[in-house]
Amino acid sequence: MMISQKPFSMLEYPCSAMNAAEHTLHRLMVTENSRYHMADDICIAVRDERTGCWHRTHQAVGAHVVGSLRVTKDGSVVARIGSPTPGERVIFSTDVVTSPLVAIETGSDVFESIPLAGAA
């Protein structure tokens, strides 16, 4: 997996939702390991939680959220379709399954931290 601190262009990712930002649900899904920047249900960027490096080639980038997994107190695993909630593991269309979500932030301001092309 390639890790980069170099700024990149959001245009590198197949996400037409960014062209209609005012109609897009912006979410930041935070796990213990990574921050998944979302436009609607499409992952547009992944950042390492410890190092702050951007994972430009992460398998979740460009993928849709298809559901989530929750481990119950008795150890059972429950899968569900729909938007994940804190405590659940996100399932992406590329078969990526995250560690449990610790937080979900919403609003257009969650994109302020994504470096754009030419950013310092």
PDB file of N, CA and C in Angstrom:
ATOM      1  N   MET A   1       0.844  -1.177   0.000  1.00  0.00           N
ATOM      2  CA  MET A   1       0.000   0.000   0.000  1.00  0.00           C
ATOM      3  C   MET A   1       0.893   1.244   0.000  1.00  0.00           C
ATOM      4  N   MET A   2       0.673   2.126  -0.943  1.00  0.00           N
ATOM      5  CA  MET A   2       1.474   3.336  -1.059  1.00  0.00           C
ATOM      6  C   MET A   2       0.968   4.399  -0.091  1.00  0.00           C
ATOM      7  N   ILE A   3       1.854   4.967   0.689  1.00  0.00           N
ATOM      8  CA  ILE A   3       1.493   6.008   1.637  1.00  0.00           C
ATOM      9  C   ILE A   3       2.196   7.280   1.205  1.00  0.00           C
ATOM     10  N   SER A   4       1.450   8.384   1.215  1.00  0.00           N
ATOM     11  CA  SER A   4       2.012   9.636   0.733  1.00  0.00           C
ATOM     12  C   SER A   4       1.579  10.793   1.605  1.00  0.00           C
ATOM     13  N   GLN A   5       2.499  11.715   1.856  1.00  0.00           N
ATOM     14  CA  GLN A   5       2.141  12.951   2.532  1.00  0.00           C
ATOM     15  C   GLN A   5       1.980  14.068   1.513  1.00  0.00           C
ATOM     16  N   LYS A   6       2.307  13.787   0.259  1.00  0.00           N
ATOM     17  CA  LYS A   6       2.220  14.767  -0.803  1.00  0.00           C
ATOM     18  C   LYS A   6       0.752  15.089  -1.097  1.00  0.00           C
ATOM     19  N   PRO A   7       0.395  16.367  -1.240  1.00  0.00           N
ATOM     20  CA  PRO A   7      -0.989  16.704  -1.587  1.00  0.00           C
ATOM     21  C   PRO A   7      -1.373  16.083  -2.927  1.00  0.00           C
ATOM     22  N   PHE A   8      -2.659  15.765  -3.077  1.00  0.00           N
ATOM     23  CA  PHE A   8      -3.142  15.190  -4.313  1.00  0.00           C
ATOM     24  C   PHE A   8      -4.445  15.842  -4.709  1.00  0.00           C
ATOM     25  N   SER A   9      -4.827  15.667  -5.934  1.00  0.00           N
ATOM     26  CA  SER A   9      -6.053  16.253  -6.448  1.00  0.00           C
ATOM     27  C   SER A   9      -7.219  15.315  -6.223  1.00  0.00           C
ATOM     28  N   MET A  10      -8.347  15.857  -5.769  1.00  0.00           N
ATOM     29  CA  MET A  10      -9.545  15.059  -5.609  1.00  0.00           C
ATOM     30  C   MET A  10     -10.018  14.570  -6.976  1.00  0.00           C
ATOM     31  N   LEU A  11      -9.590  15.221  -8.056  1.00  0.00           N
ATOM     32  CA  LEU A  11     -10.000  14.823  -9.392  1.00  0.00           C
ATOM     33  C   LEU A  11      -9.382  13.501  -9.806  1.00  0.00           C
ATOM     34  N   GLU A  12      -8.379  13.031  -9.066  1.00  0.00           N
ATOM     35  CA  GLU A  12      -7.766  11.745  -9.362  1.00  0.00           C
ATOM     36  C   GLU A  12      -8.697  10.587  -9.033  1.00  0.00           C
ATOM     37  N   TYR A  13      -9.734  10.848  -8.267  1.00  0.00           N
ATOM     38  CA  TYR A  13     -10.610   9.778  -7.817  1.00  0.00           C
ATOM     39  C   TYR A  13     -11.933   9.811  -8.565  1.00  0.00           C
ATOM     40  N   PRO A  14     -12.470   8.645  -8.902  1.00  0.00           N
ATOM     41  CA  PRO A  14     -13.707   8.556  -9.680  1.00  0.00           C
ATOM     42  C   PRO A  14     -14.919   8.882  -8.828  1.00  0.00           C
ATOM     43  N   CYS A  15     -15.179  10.132  -8.602  1.00  0.00           N
ATOM     44  CA  CYS A  15     -16.265  10.532  -7.716  1.00  0.00           C
ATOM     45  C   CYS A  15     -16.976  11.745  -8.290  1.00  0.00           C
ATOM     46  N   SER A  16     -17.960  11.531  -9.126  1.00  0.00           N
ATOM     47  CA  SER A  16     -18.684  12.639  -9.723  1.00  0.00           C
ATOM     48  C   SER A  16     -19.494  13.410  -8.690  1.00  0.00           C
ATOM     49  N   ALA A  17     -19.703  12.811  -7.510  1.00  0.00           N
ATOM     50  CA  ALA A  17     -20.475  13.490  -6.467  1.00  0.00           C
ATOM     51  C   ALA A  17     -19.814  14.784  -6.031  1.00  0.00           C
ATOM     52  N   MET A  18     -18.485  14.889  -6.190  1.00  0.00           N
ATOM     53  CA  MET A  18     -17.798  16.102  -5.773  1.00  0.00           C
ATOM     54  C   MET A  18     -18.186  17.297  -6.624  1.00  0.00           C
ATOM     55  N   ASN A  19     -18.708  17.071  -7.833  1.00  0.00           N
ATOM     56  CA  ASN A  19     -19.130  18.169  -8.696  1.00  0.00           C
ATOM     57  C   ASN A  19     -20.430  18.789  -8.218  1.00  0.00           C
ATOM     58  N   ALA A  20     -21.144  18.105  -7.370  1.00  0.00           N
ATOM     59  CA  ALA A  20     -22.411  18.611  -6.850  1.00  0.00           C
ATOM     60  C   ALA A  20     -22.339  18.662  -5.333  1.00  0.00           C
ATOM     61  N   ALA A  21     -21.306  19.343  -4.824  1.00  0.00           N
ATOM     62  CA  ALA A  21     -21.022  19.336  -3.386  1.00  0.00           C
ATOM     63  C   ALA A  21     -22.198  19.790  -2.544  1.00  0.00           C
ATOM     64  N   GLU A  22     -22.991  20.744  -3.045  1.00  0.00           N
ATOM     65  CA  GLU A  22     -24.107  21.235  -2.232  1.00  0.00           C
ATOM     66  C   GLU A  22     -25.207  20.197  -2.071  1.00  0.00           C
ATOM     67  N   HIS A  23     -25.199  19.136  -2.894  1.00  0.00           N
ATOM     68  CA  HIS A  23     -26.209  18.086  -2.810  1.00  0.00           C
ATOM     69  C   HIS A  23     -25.638  16.785  -2.270  1.00  0.00           C
ATOM     70  N   THR A  24     -24.448  16.840  -1.741  1.00  0.00           N
ATOM     71  CA  THR A  24     -23.741  15.656  -1.298  1.00  0.00           C
ATOM     72  C   THR A  24     -23.699  15.593   0.217  1.00  0.00           C
ATOM     73  N   LEU A  25     -23.925  14.389   0.757  1.00  0.00           N
ATOM     74  CA  LEU A  25     -23.761  14.180   2.192  1.00  0.00           C
ATOM     75  C   LEU A  25     -22.287  13.916   2.451  1.00  0.00           C
ATOM     76  N   HIS A  26     -21.642  14.843   3.136  1.00  0.00           N
ATOM     77  CA  HIS A  26     -20.223  14.719   3.454  1.00  0.00           C
ATOM     78  C   HIS A  26     -20.093  14.077   4.829  1.00  0.00           C
ATOM     79  N   ARG A  27     -19.302  13.001   4.890  1.00  0.00           N
ATOM     80  CA  ARG A  27     -19.080  12.313   6.164  1.00  0.00           C
ATOM     81  C   ARG A  27     -17.613  11.976   6.309  1.00  0.00           C
ATOM     82  N   LEU A  28     -17.177  11.964   7.538  1.00  0.00           N
ATOM     83  CA  LEU A  28     -15.843  11.497   7.887  1.00  0.00           C
ATOM     84  C   LEU A  28     -16.065  10.334   8.842  1.00  0.00           C
ATOM     85  N   MET A  29     -15.715   9.125   8.393  1.00  0.00           N
ATOM     86  CA  MET A  29     -15.878   7.940   9.232  1.00  0.00           C
ATOM     87  C   MET A  29     -14.518   7.621   9.832  1.00  0.00           C
ATOM     88  N   VAL A  30     -14.450   7.662  11.164  1.00  0.00           N
ATOM     89  CA  VAL A  30     -13.185   7.517  11.876  1.00  0.00           C
ATOM     90  C   VAL A  30     -13.127   6.166  12.577  1.00  0.00           C
ATOM     91  N   THR A  31     -12.046   5.423  12.290  1.00  0.00           N
ATOM     92  CA  THR A  31     -11.772   4.178  13.017  1.00  0.00           C
ATOM     93  C   THR A  31     -10.510   4.407  13.842  1.00  0.00           C
ATOM     94  N   GLU A  32     -10.101   3.406  14.576  1.00  0.00           N
ATOM     95  CA  GLU A  32      -8.874   3.507  15.361  1.00  0.00           C
ATOM     96  C   GLU A  32      -7.660   3.708  14.444  1.00  0.00           C
ATOM     97  N   ASN A  33      -7.734   3.160  13.228  1.00  0.00           N
ATOM     98  CA  ASN A  33      -6.591   3.177  12.320  1.00  0.00           C
ATOM     99  C   ASN A  33      -6.635   4.234  11.227  1.00  0.00           C
ATOM    100  N   SER A  34      -7.837   4.570  10.735  1.00  0.00           N
ATOM    101  CA  SER A  34      -7.949   5.416   9.542  1.00  0.00           C
ATOM    102  C   SER A  34      -9.119   6.380   9.623  1.00  0.00           C
ATOM    103  N   ARG A  35      -9.037   7.404   8.745  1.00  0.00           N
ATOM    104  CA  ARG A  35     -10.137   8.345   8.534  1.00  0.00           C
ATOM    105  C   ARG A  35     -10.596   8.180   7.098  1.00  0.00           C
ATOM    106  N   TYR A  36     -11.863   7.828   6.920  1.00  0.00           N
ATOM    107  CA  TYR A  36     -12.441   7.617   5.594  1.00  0.00           C
ATOM    108  C   TYR A  36     -13.291   8.830   5.249  1.00  0.00           C
ATOM    109  N   HIS A  37     -12.854   9.603   4.248  1.00  0.00           N
ATOM    110  CA  HIS A  37     -13.584  10.785   3.799  1.00  0.00           C
ATOM    111  C   HIS A  37     -14.599  10.339   2.754  1.00  0.00           C
ATOM    112  N   MET A  38     -15.879  10.644   2.985  1.00  0.00           N
ATOM    113  CA  MET A  38     -16.969  10.133   2.171  1.00  0.00           C
ATOM    114  C   MET A  38     -17.760  11.262   1.519  1.00  0.00           C
ATOM    115  N   ALA A  39     -18.175  11.037   0.282  1.00  0.00           N
ATOM    116  CA  ALA A  39     -19.145  11.886  -0.412  1.00  0.00           C
ATOM    117  C   ALA A  39     -20.312  10.962  -0.733  1.00  0.00           C
ATOM    118  N   ASP A  40     -21.441  11.205  -0.089  1.00  0.00           N
ATOM    119  CA  ASP A  40     -22.559  10.263  -0.095  1.00  0.00           C
ATOM    120  C   ASP A  40     -22.017   8.937   0.419  1.00  0.00           C
ATOM    121  N   ASP A  41     -22.152   7.860  -0.330  1.00  0.00           N
ATOM    122  CA  ASP A  41     -21.645   6.574   0.166  1.00  0.00           C
ATOM    123  C   ASP A  41     -20.365   6.151  -0.551  1.00  0.00           C
ATOM    124  N   ILE A  42     -19.659   7.116  -1.156  1.00  0.00           N
ATOM    125  CA  ILE A  42     -18.425   6.820  -1.888  1.00  0.00           C
ATOM    126  C   ILE A  42     -17.225   7.350  -1.099  1.00  0.00           C
ATOM    127  N   CYS A  43     -16.238   6.499  -0.899  1.00  0.00           N
ATOM    128  CA  CYS A  43     -15.008   6.911  -0.223  1.00  0.00           C
ATOM    129  C   CYS A  43     -14.147   7.682  -1.221  1.00  0.00           C
ATOM    130  N   ILE A  44     -13.770   8.906  -0.869  1.00  0.00           N
ATOM    131  CA  ILE A  44     -12.961   9.718  -1.783  1.00  0.00           C
ATOM    132  C   ILE A  44     -11.528   9.904  -1.295  1.00  0.00           C
ATOM    133  N   ALA A  45     -11.248   9.574  -0.033  1.00  0.00           N
ATOM    134  CA  ALA A  45      -9.884   9.687   0.487  1.00  0.00           C
ATOM    135  C   ALA A  45      -9.781   8.908   1.791  1.00  0.00           C
ATOM    136  N   VAL A  46      -8.573   8.391   2.043  1.00  0.00           N
ATOM    137  CA  VAL A  46      -8.300   7.662   3.292  1.00  0.00           C
ATOM    138  C   VAL A  46      -7.004   8.209   3.869  1.00  0.00           C
ATOM    139  N   ARG A  47      -7.039   8.516   5.161  1.00  0.00           N
ATOM    140  CA  ARG A  47      -5.861   9.059   5.843  1.00  0.00           C
ATOM    141  C   ARG A  47      -5.535   8.194   7.053  1.00  0.00           C
ATOM    142  N   ASP A  48      -4.252   7.890   7.229  1.00  0.00           N
ATOM    143  CA  ASP A  48      -3.798   7.101   8.369  1.00  0.00           C
ATOM    144  C   ASP A  48      -3.974   7.911   9.646  1.00  0.00           C
ATOM    145  N   GLU A  49      -4.630   7.336  10.617  1.00  0.00           N
ATOM    146  CA  GLU A  49      -4.926   8.044  11.874  1.00  0.00           C
ATOM    147  C   GLU A  49      -3.658   8.336  12.689  1.00  0.00           C
ATOM    148  N   ARG A  50      -2.672   7.443  12.655  1.00  0.00           N
ATOM    149  CA  ARG A  50      -1.449   7.644  13.446  1.00  0.00           C
ATOM    150  C   ARG A  50      -0.472   8.603  12.796  1.00  0.00           C
ATOM    151  N   THR A  51      -0.220   8.414  11.496  1.00  0.00           N
ATOM    152  CA  THR A  51       0.834   9.187  10.825  1.00  0.00           C
ATOM    153  C   THR A  51       0.322  10.440  10.127  1.00  0.00           C
ATOM    154  N   GLY A  52      -0.972  10.467   9.805  1.00  0.00           N
ATOM    155  CA  GLY A  52      -1.524  11.586   9.052  1.00  0.00           C
ATOM    156  C   GLY A  52      -1.267  11.485   7.560  1.00  0.00           C
ATOM    157  N   CYS A  53      -0.633  10.395   7.122  1.00  0.00           N
ATOM    158  CA  CYS A  53      -0.340  10.201   5.691  1.00  0.00           C
ATOM    159  C   CYS A  53      -1.607   9.796   4.941  1.00  0.00           C
ATOM    160  N   TRP A  54      -1.700  10.253   3.703  1.00  0.00           N
ATOM    161  CA  TRP A  54      -2.824   9.895   2.835  1.00  0.00           C
ATOM    162  C   TRP A  54      -2.511   8.587   2.117  1.00  0.00           C
ATOM    163  N   HIS A  55      -3.470   7.664   2.099  1.00  0.00           N
ATOM    164  CA  HIS A  55      -3.337   6.388   1.397  1.00  0.00           C
ATOM    165  C   HIS A  55      -3.950   6.549   0.008  1.00  0.00           C
ATOM    166  N   ARG A  56      -3.148   6.992  -0.932  1.00  0.00           N
ATOM    167  CA  ARG A  56      -3.641   7.292  -2.278  1.00  0.00           C
ATOM    168  C   ARG A  56      -4.159   6.066  -3.014  1.00  0.00           C
ATOM    169  N   THR A  57      -3.642   4.894  -2.702  1.00  0.00           N
ATOM    170  CA  THR A  57      -4.049   3.682  -3.413  1.00  0.00           C
ATOM    171  C   THR A  57      -4.845   2.722  -2.534  1.00  0.00           C
ATOM    172  N   HIS A  58      -5.396   3.215  -1.438  1.00  0.00           N
ATOM    173  CA  HIS A  58      -6.191   2.369  -0.547  1.00  0.00           C
ATOM    174  C   HIS A  58      -7.363   1.777  -1.324  1.00  0.00           C
ATOM    175  N   GLN A  59      -7.661   0.504  -1.088  1.00  0.00           N
ATOM    176  CA  GLN A  59      -8.730  -0.176  -1.823  1.00  0.00           C
ATOM    177  C   GLN A  59     -10.116   0.404  -1.559  1.00  0.00           C
ATOM    178  N   ALA A  60     -10.288   1.157  -0.491  1.00  0.00           N
ATOM    179  CA  ALA A  60     -11.598   1.751  -0.222  1.00  0.00           C
ATOM    180  C   ALA A  60     -11.857   2.996  -1.071  1.00  0.00           C
ATOM    181  N   VAL A  61     -10.796   3.649  -1.569  1.00  0.00           N
ATOM    182  CA  VAL A  61     -10.971   4.878  -2.362  1.00  0.00           C
ATOM    183  C   VAL A  61     -11.714   4.540  -3.651  1.00  0.00           C
ATOM    184  N   GLY A  62     -12.830   5.221  -3.856  1.00  0.00           N
ATOM    185  CA  GLY A  62     -13.676   4.988  -5.014  1.00  0.00           C
ATOM    186  C   GLY A  62     -14.744   3.936  -4.782  1.00  0.00           C
ATOM    187  N   ALA A  63     -14.710   3.285  -3.638  1.00  0.00           N
ATOM    188  CA  ALA A  63     -15.671   2.215  -3.330  1.00  0.00           C
ATOM    189  C   ALA A  63     -16.905   2.770  -2.620  1.00  0.00           C
ATOM    190  N   HIS A  64     -18.003   2.041  -2.751  1.00  0.00           N
ATOM    191  CA  HIS A  64     -19.259   2.386  -2.079  1.00  0.00           C
ATOM    192  C   HIS A  64     -19.367   1.632  -0.761  1.00  0.00           C
ATOM    193  N   VAL A  65     -20.029   2.231   0.216  1.00  0.00           N
ATOM    194  CA  VAL A  65     -20.379   1.521   1.449  1.00  0.00           C
ATOM    195  C   VAL A  65     -21.566   0.621   1.119  1.00  0.00           C
ATOM    196  N   VAL A  66     -21.443  -0.659   1.439  1.00  0.00           N
ATOM    197  CA  VAL A  66     -22.540  -1.585   1.169  1.00  0.00           C
ATOM    198  C   VAL A  66     -23.230  -2.072   2.437  1.00  0.00           C
ATOM    199  N   GLY A  67     -22.604  -1.850   3.584  1.00  0.00           N
ATOM    200  CA  GLY A  67     -23.218  -2.284   4.832  1.00  0.00           C
ATOM    201  C   GLY A  67     -22.234  -2.217   5.972  1.00  0.00           C
ATOM    202  N   SER A  68     -22.558  -2.974   7.026  1.00  0.00           N
ATOM    203  CA  SER A  68     -21.702  -2.955   8.209  1.00  0.00           C
ATOM    204  C   SER A  68     -21.812  -4.280   8.957  1.00  0.00           C
ATOM    205  N   LEU A  69     -20.838  -4.487   9.846  1.00  0.00           N
ATOM    206  CA  LEU A  69     -20.824  -5.659  10.725  1.00  0.00           C
ATOM    207  C   LEU A  69     -20.753  -5.183  12.167  1.00  0.00           C
ATOM    208  N   ARG A  70     -21.482  -5.854  13.027  1.00  0.00           N
ATOM    209  CA  ARG A  70     -21.411  -5.582  14.462  1.00  0.00           C
ATOM    210  C   ARG A  70     -21.185  -6.900  15.179  1.00  0.00           C
ATOM    211  N   VAL A  71     -20.238  -6.895  16.109  1.00  0.00           N
ATOM    212  CA  VAL A  71     -19.999  -8.070  16.953  1.00  0.00           C
ATOM    213  C   VAL A  71     -20.787  -7.849  18.238  1.00  0.00           C
ATOM    214  N   THR A  72     -21.681  -8.784  18.540  1.00  0.00           N
ATOM    215  CA  THR A  72     -22.518  -8.647  19.727  1.00  0.00           C
ATOM    216  C   THR A  72     -21.762  -9.109  20.980  1.00  0.00           C
ATOM    217  N   LYS A  73     -22.354  -8.891  22.143  1.00  0.00           N
ATOM    218  CA  LYS A  73     -21.717  -9.262  23.408  1.00  0.00           C
ATOM    219  C   LYS A  73     -21.453 -10.763  23.513  1.00  0.00           C
ATOM    220  N   ASP A  74     -22.305 -11.565  22.856  1.00  0.00           N
ATOM    221  CA  ASP A  74     -22.098 -13.024  22.918  1.00  0.00           C
ATOM    222  C   ASP A  74     -21.147 -13.520  21.831  1.00  0.00           C
ATOM    223  N   GLY A  75     -20.563 -12.593  21.057  1.00  0.00           N
ATOM    224  CA  GLY A  75     -19.583 -12.961  20.039  1.00  0.00           C
ATOM    225  C   GLY A  75     -20.156 -13.206  18.657  1.00  0.00           C
ATOM    226  N   SER A  76     -21.469 -13.106  18.522  1.00  0.00           N
ATOM    227  CA  SER A  76     -22.090 -13.279  17.208  1.00  0.00           C
ATOM    228  C   SER A  76     -21.761 -12.082  16.326  1.00  0.00           C
ATOM    229  N   VAL A  77     -21.723 -12.314  15.022  1.00  0.00           N
ATOM    230  CA  VAL A  77     -21.498 -11.240  14.064  1.00  0.00           C
ATOM    231  C   VAL A  77     -22.801 -10.997  13.322  1.00  0.00           C
ATOM    232  N   VAL A  78     -23.254  -9.747  13.353  1.00  0.00           N
ATOM    233  CA  VAL A  78     -24.499  -9.371  12.698  1.00  0.00           C
ATOM    234  C   VAL A  78     -24.158  -8.439  11.541  1.00  0.00           C
ATOM    235  N   ALA A  79     -24.571  -8.821  10.335  1.00  0.00           N
ATOM    236  CA  ALA A  79     -24.362  -7.986   9.153  1.00  0.00           C
ATOM    237  C   ALA A  79     -25.646  -7.228   8.867  1.00  0.00           C
ATOM    238  N   ARG A  80     -25.488  -5.989   8.392  1.00  0.00           N
ATOM    239  CA  ARG A  80     -26.679  -5.236   8.000  1.00  0.00           C
ATOM    240  C   ARG A  80     -26.370  -4.338   6.821  1.00  0.00           C
ATOM    241  N   ILE A  81     -27.401  -4.037   6.067  1.00  0.00           N
ATOM    242  CA  ILE A  81     -27.293  -3.143   4.923  1.00  0.00           C
ATOM    243  C   ILE A  81     -27.663  -1.743   5.402  1.00  0.00           C
ATOM    244  N   GLY A  82     -26.999  -0.739   4.866  1.00  0.00           N
ATOM    245  CA  GLY A  82     -27.309   0.641   5.226  1.00  0.00           C
ATOM    246  C   GLY A  82     -26.113   1.351   5.805  1.00  0.00           C
ATOM    247  N   SER A  83     -26.358   2.540   6.288  1.00  0.00           N
ATOM    248  CA  SER A  83     -25.282   3.361   6.834  1.00  0.00           C
ATOM    249  C   SER A  83     -24.776   2.809   8.154  1.00  0.00           C
ATOM    250  N   PRO A  84     -23.461   2.677   8.285  1.00  0.00           N
ATOM    251  CA  PRO A  84     -22.881   2.184   9.535  1.00  0.00           C
ATOM    252  C   PRO A  84     -23.040   3.199  10.670  1.00  0.00           C
ATOM    253  N   THR A  85     -22.961   2.699  11.882  1.00  0.00           N
ATOM    254  CA  THR A  85     -22.997   3.549  13.068  1.00  0.00           C
ATOM    255  C   THR A  85     -21.757   3.246  13.912  1.00  0.00           C
ATOM    256  N   PRO A  86     -21.378   4.149  14.831  1.00  0.00           N
ATOM    257  CA  PRO A  86     -20.209   3.884  15.684  1.00  0.00           C
ATOM    258  C   PRO A  86     -20.325   2.521  16.369  1.00  0.00           C
ATOM    259  N   GLY A  87     -19.184   1.830  16.414  1.00  0.00           N
ATOM    260  CA  GLY A  87     -19.134   0.485  16.974  1.00  0.00           C
ATOM    261  C   GLY A  87     -19.205  -0.593  15.906  1.00  0.00           C
ATOM    262  N   GLU A  88     -19.665  -0.222  14.714  1.00  0.00           N
ATOM    263  CA  GLU A  88     -19.763  -1.183  13.621  1.00  0.00           C
ATOM    264  C   GLU A  88     -18.550  -1.082  12.701  1.00  0.00           C
ATOM    265  N   ARG A  89     -18.267  -2.156  11.990  1.00  0.00           N
ATOM    266  CA  ARG A  89     -17.209  -2.194  10.982  1.00  0.00           C
ATOM    267  C   ARG A  89     -17.861  -1.897   9.632  1.00  0.00           C
ATOM    268  N   VAL A  90     -17.252  -1.028   8.845  1.00  0.00           N
ATOM    269  CA  VAL A  90     -17.792  -0.658   7.540  1.00  0.00           C
ATOM    270  C   VAL A  90     -17.387  -1.705   6.505  1.00  0.00           C
ATOM    271  N   ILE A  91     -18.334  -2.076   5.644  1.00  0.00           N
ATOM    272  CA  ILE A  91     -18.054  -2.973   4.528  1.00  0.00           C
ATOM    273  C   ILE A  91     -18.144  -2.140   3.250  1.00  0.00           C
ATOM    274  N   PHE A  92     -17.046  -2.118   2.473  1.00  0.00           N
ATOM    275  CA  PHE A  92     -17.029  -1.411   1.192  1.00  0.00           C
ATOM    276  C   PHE A  92     -17.239  -2.396   0.047  1.00  0.00           C
ATOM    277  N   SER A  93     -17.635  -1.879  -1.113  1.00  0.00           N
ATOM    278  CA  SER A  93     -17.909  -2.707  -2.294  1.00  0.00           C
ATOM    279  C   SER A  93     -16.673  -3.433  -2.815  1.00  0.00           C
ATOM    280  N   THR A  94     -15.493  -3.042  -2.383  1.00  0.00           N
ATOM    281  CA  THR A  94     -14.242  -3.701  -2.800  1.00  0.00           C
ATOM    282  C   THR A  94     -13.811  -4.768  -1.798  1.00  0.00           C
ATOM    283  N   ASP A  95     -14.721  -5.209  -0.939  1.00  0.00           N
ATOM    284  CA  ASP A  95     -14.472  -6.227   0.083  1.00  0.00           C
ATOM    285  C   ASP A  95     -13.553  -5.748   1.199  1.00  0.00           C
ATOM    286  N   VAL A  96     -13.365  -4.444   1.338  1.00  0.00           N
ATOM    287  CA  VAL A  96     -12.627  -3.885   2.470  1.00  0.00           C
ATOM    288  C   VAL A  96     -13.572  -3.849   3.661  1.00  0.00           C
ATOM    289  N   VAL A  97     -13.100  -4.331   4.803  1.00  0.00           N
ATOM    290  CA  VAL A  97     -13.847  -4.255   6.065  1.00  0.00           C
ATOM    291  C   VAL A  97     -12.955  -3.520   7.052  1.00  0.00           C
ATOM    292  N   THR A  98     -13.467  -2.439   7.619  1.00  0.00           N
ATOM    293  CA  THR A  98     -12.670  -1.611   8.518  1.00  0.00           C
ATOM    294  C   THR A  98     -12.669  -2.158   9.939  1.00  0.00           C
ATOM    295  N   SER A  99     -11.840  -1.559  10.777  1.00  0.00           N
ATOM    296  CA  SER A  99     -11.959  -1.784  12.213  1.00  0.00           C
ATOM    297  C   SER A  99     -13.209  -1.015  12.674  1.00  0.00           C
ATOM    298  N   PRO A 100     -13.688  -1.234  13.903  1.00  0.00           N
ATOM    299  CA  PRO A 100     -14.919  -0.576  14.345  1.00  0.00           C
ATOM    300  C   PRO A 100     -14.828   0.957  14.285  1.00  0.00           C
ATOM    301  N   LEU A 101     -15.930   1.572  13.866  1.00  0.00           N
ATOM    302  CA  LEU A 101     -16.010   3.032  13.839  1.00  0.00           C
ATOM    303  C   LEU A 101     -16.007   3.576  15.263  1.00  0.00           C
ATOM    304  N   VAL A 102     -15.233   4.633  15.470  1.00  0.00           N
ATOM    305  CA  VAL A 102     -15.249   5.311  16.764  1.00  0.00           C
ATOM    306  C   VAL A 102     -16.036   6.610  16.687  1.00  0.00           C
ATOM    307  N   ALA A 103     -16.199   7.157  15.467  1.00  0.00           N
ATOM    308  CA  ALA A 103     -16.960   8.399  15.301  1.00  0.00           C
ATOM    309  C   ALA A 103     -17.351   8.579  13.845  1.00  0.00           C
ATOM    310  N   ILE A 104     -18.426   9.337  13.642  1.00  0.00           N
ATOM    311  CA  ILE A 104     -18.833   9.764  12.307  1.00  0.00           C
ATOM    312  C   ILE A 104     -19.125  11.253  12.395  1.00  0.00           C
ATOM    313  N   GLU A 105     -18.420  12.033  11.582  1.00  0.00           N
ATOM    314  CA  GLU A 105     -18.640  13.477  11.535  1.00  0.00           C
ATOM    315  C   GLU A 105     -19.328  13.789  10.221  1.00  0.00           C
ATOM    316  N   THR A 106     -20.240  14.754  10.228  1.00  0.00           N
ATOM    317  CA  THR A 106     -20.951  15.121   9.007  1.00  0.00           C
ATOM    318  C   THR A 106     -20.844  16.616   8.744  1.00  0.00           C
ATOM    319  N   GLY A 107     -21.144  17.010   7.511  1.00  0.00           N
ATOM    320  CA  GLY A 107     -21.130  18.415   7.113  1.00  0.00           C
ATOM    321  C   GLY A 107     -20.052  18.681   6.083  1.00  0.00           C
ATOM    322  N   SER A 108     -20.218  19.739   5.328  1.00  0.00           N
ATOM    323  CA  SER A 108     -19.266  20.056   4.260  1.00  0.00           C
ATOM    324  C   SER A 108     -17.894  20.424   4.805  1.00  0.00           C
ATOM    325  N   ASP A 109     -17.799  20.829   6.067  1.00  0.00           N
ATOM    326  CA  ASP A 109     -16.512  21.216   6.640  1.00  0.00           C
ATOM    327  C   ASP A 109     -15.571  20.037   6.863  1.00  0.00           C
ATOM    328  N   VAL A 110     -16.049  18.784   6.762  1.00  0.00           N
ATOM    329  CA  VAL A 110     -15.157  17.640   6.962  1.00  0.00           C
ATOM    330  C   VAL A 110     -14.141  17.529   5.835  1.00  0.00           C
ATOM    331  N   PHE A 111     -14.361  18.213   4.707  1.00  0.00           N
ATOM    332  CA  PHE A 111     -13.429  18.166   3.591  1.00  0.00           C
ATOM    333  C   PHE A 111     -12.326  19.203   3.701  1.00  0.00           C
ATOM    334  N   GLU A 112     -12.374  20.087   4.668  1.00  0.00           N
ATOM    335  CA  GLU A 112     -11.363  21.125   4.788  1.00  0.00           C
ATOM    336  C   GLU A 112      -9.960  20.561   4.987  1.00  0.00           C
ATOM    337  N   SER A 113      -9.850  19.375   5.552  1.00  0.00           N
ATOM    338  CA  SER A 113      -8.539  18.812   5.843  1.00  0.00           C
ATOM    339  C   SER A 113      -7.937  18.020   4.689  1.00  0.00           C
ATOM    340  N   ILE A 114      -8.674  17.818   3.599  1.00  0.00           N
ATOM    341  CA  ILE A 114      -8.154  17.065   2.456  1.00  0.00           C
ATOM    342  C   ILE A 114      -7.297  17.998   1.601  1.00  0.00           C
ATOM    343  N   PRO A 115      -6.025  17.667   1.391  1.00  0.00           N
ATOM    344  CA  PRO A 115      -5.184  18.539   0.575  1.00  0.00           C
ATOM    345  C   PRO A 115      -5.612  18.493  -0.891  1.00  0.00           C
ATOM    346  N   LEU A 116      -5.699  19.638  -1.512  1.00  0.00           N
ATOM    347  CA  LEU A 116      -6.039  19.727  -2.916  1.00  0.00           C
ATOM    348  C   LEU A 116      -4.772  19.968  -3.719  1.00  0.00           C
ATOM    349  N   ALA A 117      -4.838  19.751  -4.998  1.00  0.00           N
ATOM    350  CA  ALA A 117      -3.676  19.974  -5.864  1.00  0.00           C
ATOM    351  C   ALA A 117      -3.184  21.402  -5.690  1.00  0.00           C
ATOM    352  N   GLY A 118      -1.879  21.549  -5.535  1.00  0.00           N
ATOM    353  CA  GLY A 118      -1.278  22.868  -5.398  1.00  0.00           C
ATOM    354  C   GLY A 118      -1.315  23.412  -3.990  1.00  0.00           C
ATOM    355  N   ALA A 119      -1.920  22.659  -3.055  1.00  0.00           N
ATOM    356  CA  ALA A 119      -1.969  23.128  -1.661  1.00  0.00           C
ATOM    357  C   ALA A 119      -0.590  23.028  -1.045  1.00  0.00           C
ATOM    358  N   ALA A 120      -0.309  23.930  -0.135  1.00  0.00           N
ATOM    359  CA  ALA A 120       1.003  23.924   0.512  1.00  0.00           C
ATOM    360  C   ALA A 120       1.049  22.915   1.625  1.00  0.00           C
TER     361      ALA A 120
END
